[in-house]
């Protein structure tokens, strides 16, 4: 688990450390990997470990403790080659939990 302070995201190194930590949490979570595997299957991509890992990192700004996580499930926007955050999506957080966000239209979401 990572403790984030107000100045947690000041450098590129901070970003890389956070992403590396999230990658480890993702790898240890069978549920998170299961959601991601379903996403890969929908797009006829190789399953893990050969398939691509999650890359979209977000912060749910209005929630207690401001969860940060990797998007592991949701609607894919092929035009932008990324998740459509205006629809419901799931993240695996730095605390190892899986949280659902209904939409960036309903709550403040920052893409990191």
C-alpha atoms as a PDB file:
ATOM      1  CA  UNK A   1       0.000   0.000   0.000  1.00  0.00           C
ATOM      2  CA  UNK A   2       1.217   3.510  -0.800  1.00  0.00           C
ATOM      3  CA  UNK A   3       0.612   6.553   1.364  1.00  0.00           C
ATOM      4  CA  UNK A   4       0.061   9.607  -0.804  1.00  0.00           C
ATOM      5  CA  UNK A   5       0.681  13.105   0.423  1.00  0.00           C
ATOM      6  CA  UNK A   6      -0.284  16.427  -1.095  1.00  0.00           C
ATOM      7  CA  UNK A   7       2.981  16.551  -3.063  1.00  0.00           C
ATOM      8  CA  UNK A   8       2.885  12.924  -4.237  1.00  0.00           C
ATOM      9  CA  UNK A   9       2.931  13.554  -7.985  1.00  0.00           C
ATOM     10  CA  UNK A  10       5.571  16.217  -8.525  1.00  0.00           C
ATOM     11  CA  UNK A  11       8.061  14.394 -10.752  1.00  0.00           C
ATOM     12  CA  UNK A  12       8.281  11.855 -13.531  1.00  0.00           C
ATOM     13  CA  UNK A  13       9.935   9.530 -11.021  1.00  0.00           C
ATOM     14  CA  UNK A  14       6.884   9.792  -8.744  1.00  0.00           C
ATOM     15  CA  UNK A  15       4.687   8.841 -11.696  1.00  0.00           C
ATOM     16  CA  UNK A  16       6.863   5.824 -12.531  1.00  0.00           C
ATOM     17  CA  UNK A  17       6.992   4.639  -8.912  1.00  0.00           C
ATOM     18  CA  UNK A  18       3.206   4.922  -8.616  1.00  0.00           C
ATOM     19  CA  UNK A  19       2.664   3.016 -11.879  1.00  0.00           C
ATOM     20  CA  UNK A  20       5.122   0.313 -10.832  1.00  0.00           C
ATOM     21  CA  UNK A  21       3.319  -0.084  -7.512  1.00  0.00           C
ATOM     22  CA  UNK A  22      -0.046  -0.302  -9.250  1.00  0.00           C
ATOM     23  CA  UNK A  23       1.368  -2.900 -11.649  1.00  0.00           C
ATOM     24  CA  UNK A  24       2.413  -5.038  -8.673  1.00  0.00           C
ATOM     25  CA  UNK A  25      -0.992  -4.647  -7.018  1.00  0.00           C
ATOM     26  CA  UNK A  26      -2.710  -5.530 -10.304  1.00  0.00           C
ATOM     27  CA  UNK A  27      -0.505  -8.601 -10.704  1.00  0.00           C
ATOM     28  CA  UNK A  28      -1.396  -9.849  -7.183  1.00  0.00           C
ATOM     29  CA  UNK A  29      -5.166  -9.323  -7.626  1.00  0.00           C
ATOM     30  CA  UNK A  30      -6.903 -12.261  -9.284  1.00  0.00           C
ATOM     31  CA  UNK A  31     -10.119 -10.230  -9.557  1.00  0.00           C
ATOM     32  CA  UNK A  32      -8.381  -7.298 -11.279  1.00  0.00           C
ATOM     33  CA  UNK A  33      -6.606  -9.629 -13.694  1.00  0.00           C
ATOM     34  CA  UNK A  34      -9.934 -11.349 -14.390  1.00  0.00           C
ATOM     35  CA  UNK A  35     -11.612  -8.076 -15.361  1.00  0.00           C
ATOM     36  CA  UNK A  36      -8.628  -7.172 -17.532  1.00  0.00           C
ATOM     37  CA  UNK A  37      -8.571 -10.622 -19.190  1.00  0.00           C
ATOM     38  CA  UNK A  38     -12.228 -10.150 -20.161  1.00  0.00           C
ATOM     39  CA  UNK A  39     -11.271  -6.827 -21.748  1.00  0.00           C
ATOM     40  CA  UNK A  40      -8.429  -8.471 -23.698  1.00  0.00           C
ATOM     41  CA  UNK A  41     -10.683 -11.295 -24.921  1.00  0.00           C
ATOM     42  CA  UNK A  42     -13.274  -8.784 -26.203  1.00  0.00           C
ATOM     43  CA  UNK A  43     -10.613  -7.315 -28.479  1.00  0.00           C
ATOM     44  CA  UNK A  44      -9.038 -10.615 -29.531  1.00  0.00           C
ATOM     45  CA  UNK A  45      -5.768  -9.700 -27.814  1.00  0.00           C
ATOM     46  CA  UNK A  46      -3.337 -12.154 -26.289  1.00  0.00           C
ATOM     47  CA  UNK A  47      -4.057 -12.963 -22.658  1.00  0.00           C
ATOM     48  CA  UNK A  48      -1.576 -12.021 -19.959  1.00  0.00           C
ATOM     49  CA  UNK A  49       1.359 -12.210 -19.694  1.00  0.00           C
ATOM     50  CA  UNK A  50       1.682 -11.752 -23.471  1.00  0.00           C
ATOM     51  CA  UNK A  51      -1.146  -9.235 -23.842  1.00  0.00           C
ATOM     52  CA  UNK A  52      -0.881  -5.555 -22.989  1.00  0.00           C
ATOM     53  CA  UNK A  53      -1.163  -4.508 -19.324  1.00  0.00           C
ATOM     54  CA  UNK A  54      -3.572  -1.777 -18.193  1.00  0.00           C
ATOM     55  CA  UNK A  55      -2.194   1.709 -18.840  1.00  0.00           C
ATOM     56  CA  UNK A  56      -4.951   4.228 -18.069  1.00  0.00           C
ATOM     57  CA  UNK A  57      -4.264   5.637 -14.589  1.00  0.00           C
ATOM     58  CA  UNK A  58      -6.900   7.851 -12.963  1.00  0.00           C
ATOM     59  CA  UNK A  59      -7.621   9.632  -9.694  1.00  0.00           C
ATOM     60  CA  UNK A  60     -11.176   9.818  -8.307  1.00  0.00           C
ATOM     61  CA  UNK A  61     -10.866  13.347  -6.959  1.00  0.00           C
ATOM     62  CA  UNK A  62     -14.080  13.697  -4.965  1.00  0.00           C
ATOM     63  CA  UNK A  63     -13.910  10.495  -2.958  1.00  0.00           C
ATOM     64  CA  UNK A  64     -12.484  10.078   0.535  1.00  0.00           C
ATOM     65  CA  UNK A  65      -8.721   9.424   0.370  1.00  0.00           C
ATOM     66  CA  UNK A  66      -8.819  10.274  -3.379  1.00  0.00           C
ATOM     67  CA  UNK A  67      -8.329   6.769  -4.823  1.00  0.00           C
ATOM     68  CA  UNK A  68      -5.787   6.344  -7.614  1.00  0.00           C
ATOM     69  CA  UNK A  69      -5.829   3.299  -9.822  1.00  0.00           C
ATOM     70  CA  UNK A  70      -5.561   1.601 -13.164  1.00  0.00           C
ATOM     71  CA  UNK A  71      -8.702   1.270 -15.270  1.00  0.00           C
ATOM     72  CA  UNK A  72      -9.292  -2.462 -15.697  1.00  0.00           C
ATOM     73  CA  UNK A  73     -12.768  -2.572 -17.212  1.00  0.00           C
ATOM     74  CA  UNK A  74     -15.221  -0.328 -18.999  1.00  0.00           C
ATOM     75  CA  UNK A  75     -16.367   0.718 -22.427  1.00  0.00           C
ATOM     76  CA  UNK A  76     -13.573   1.025 -24.973  1.00  0.00           C
ATOM     77  CA  UNK A  77     -13.549   3.997 -27.336  1.00  0.00           C
ATOM     78  CA  UNK A  78     -11.890   2.784 -30.528  1.00  0.00           C
ATOM     79  CA  UNK A  79     -11.678   6.320 -31.950  1.00  0.00           C
ATOM     80  CA  UNK A  80      -9.375   7.380 -29.103  1.00  0.00           C
ATOM     81  CA  UNK A  81      -7.886   3.937 -28.426  1.00  0.00           C
ATOM     82  CA  UNK A  82      -8.645   4.284 -24.717  1.00  0.00           C
ATOM     83  CA  UNK A  83     -11.451   3.804 -22.209  1.00  0.00           C
ATOM     84  CA  UNK A  84     -14.549   5.989 -22.468  1.00  0.00           C
ATOM     85  CA  UNK A  85     -14.595   7.447 -18.971  1.00  0.00           C
ATOM     86  CA  UNK A  86     -17.985   9.036 -19.587  1.00  0.00           C
ATOM     87  CA  UNK A  87     -19.376   5.512 -19.067  1.00  0.00           C
ATOM     88  CA  UNK A  88     -19.053   3.275 -15.974  1.00  0.00           C
ATOM     89  CA  UNK A  89     -15.592   1.819 -15.382  1.00  0.00           C
ATOM     90  CA  UNK A  90     -13.635  -0.139 -12.773  1.00  0.00           C
ATOM     91  CA  UNK A  91     -10.223   0.613 -11.287  1.00  0.00           C
ATOM     92  CA  UNK A  92      -7.823  -1.366  -9.143  1.00  0.00           C
ATOM     93  CA  UNK A  93      -6.549   1.097  -6.546  1.00  0.00           C
ATOM     94  CA  UNK A  94      -3.273   1.636  -4.723  1.00  0.00           C
ATOM     95  CA  UNK A  95      -4.957   0.014  -1.706  1.00  0.00           C
ATOM     96  CA  UNK A  96      -5.688  -3.147  -3.701  1.00  0.00           C
ATOM     97  CA  UNK A  97      -9.441  -2.584  -3.839  1.00  0.00           C
ATOM     98  CA  UNK A  98     -11.568  -2.559  -6.964  1.00  0.00           C
ATOM     99  CA  UNK A  99     -13.816   0.491  -7.214  1.00  0.00           C
ATOM    100  CA  UNK A 100     -16.523   1.413  -9.676  1.00  0.00           C
ATOM    101  CA  UNK A 101     -16.982   4.902 -11.055  1.00  0.00           C
ATOM    102  CA  UNK A 102     -20.283   5.568 -12.790  1.00  0.00           C
ATOM    103  CA  UNK A 103     -18.870   8.272 -15.049  1.00  0.00           C
ATOM    104  CA  UNK A 104     -16.541  11.251 -15.210  1.00  0.00           C
ATOM    105  CA  UNK A 105     -19.737  13.176 -15.955  1.00  0.00           C
ATOM    106  CA  UNK A 106     -21.054  12.363 -12.468  1.00  0.00           C
ATOM    107  CA  UNK A 107     -17.869  12.820 -10.461  1.00  0.00           C
ATOM    108  CA  UNK A 108     -14.515  14.499 -10.958  1.00  0.00           C
ATOM    109  CA  UNK A 109     -11.966  12.120 -12.483  1.00  0.00           C
ATOM    110  CA  UNK A 110      -8.397  13.086 -13.359  1.00  0.00           C
ATOM    111  CA  UNK A 111      -6.456  11.069 -15.925  1.00  0.00           C
ATOM    112  CA  UNK A 112      -2.852  10.858 -14.776  1.00  0.00           C
END
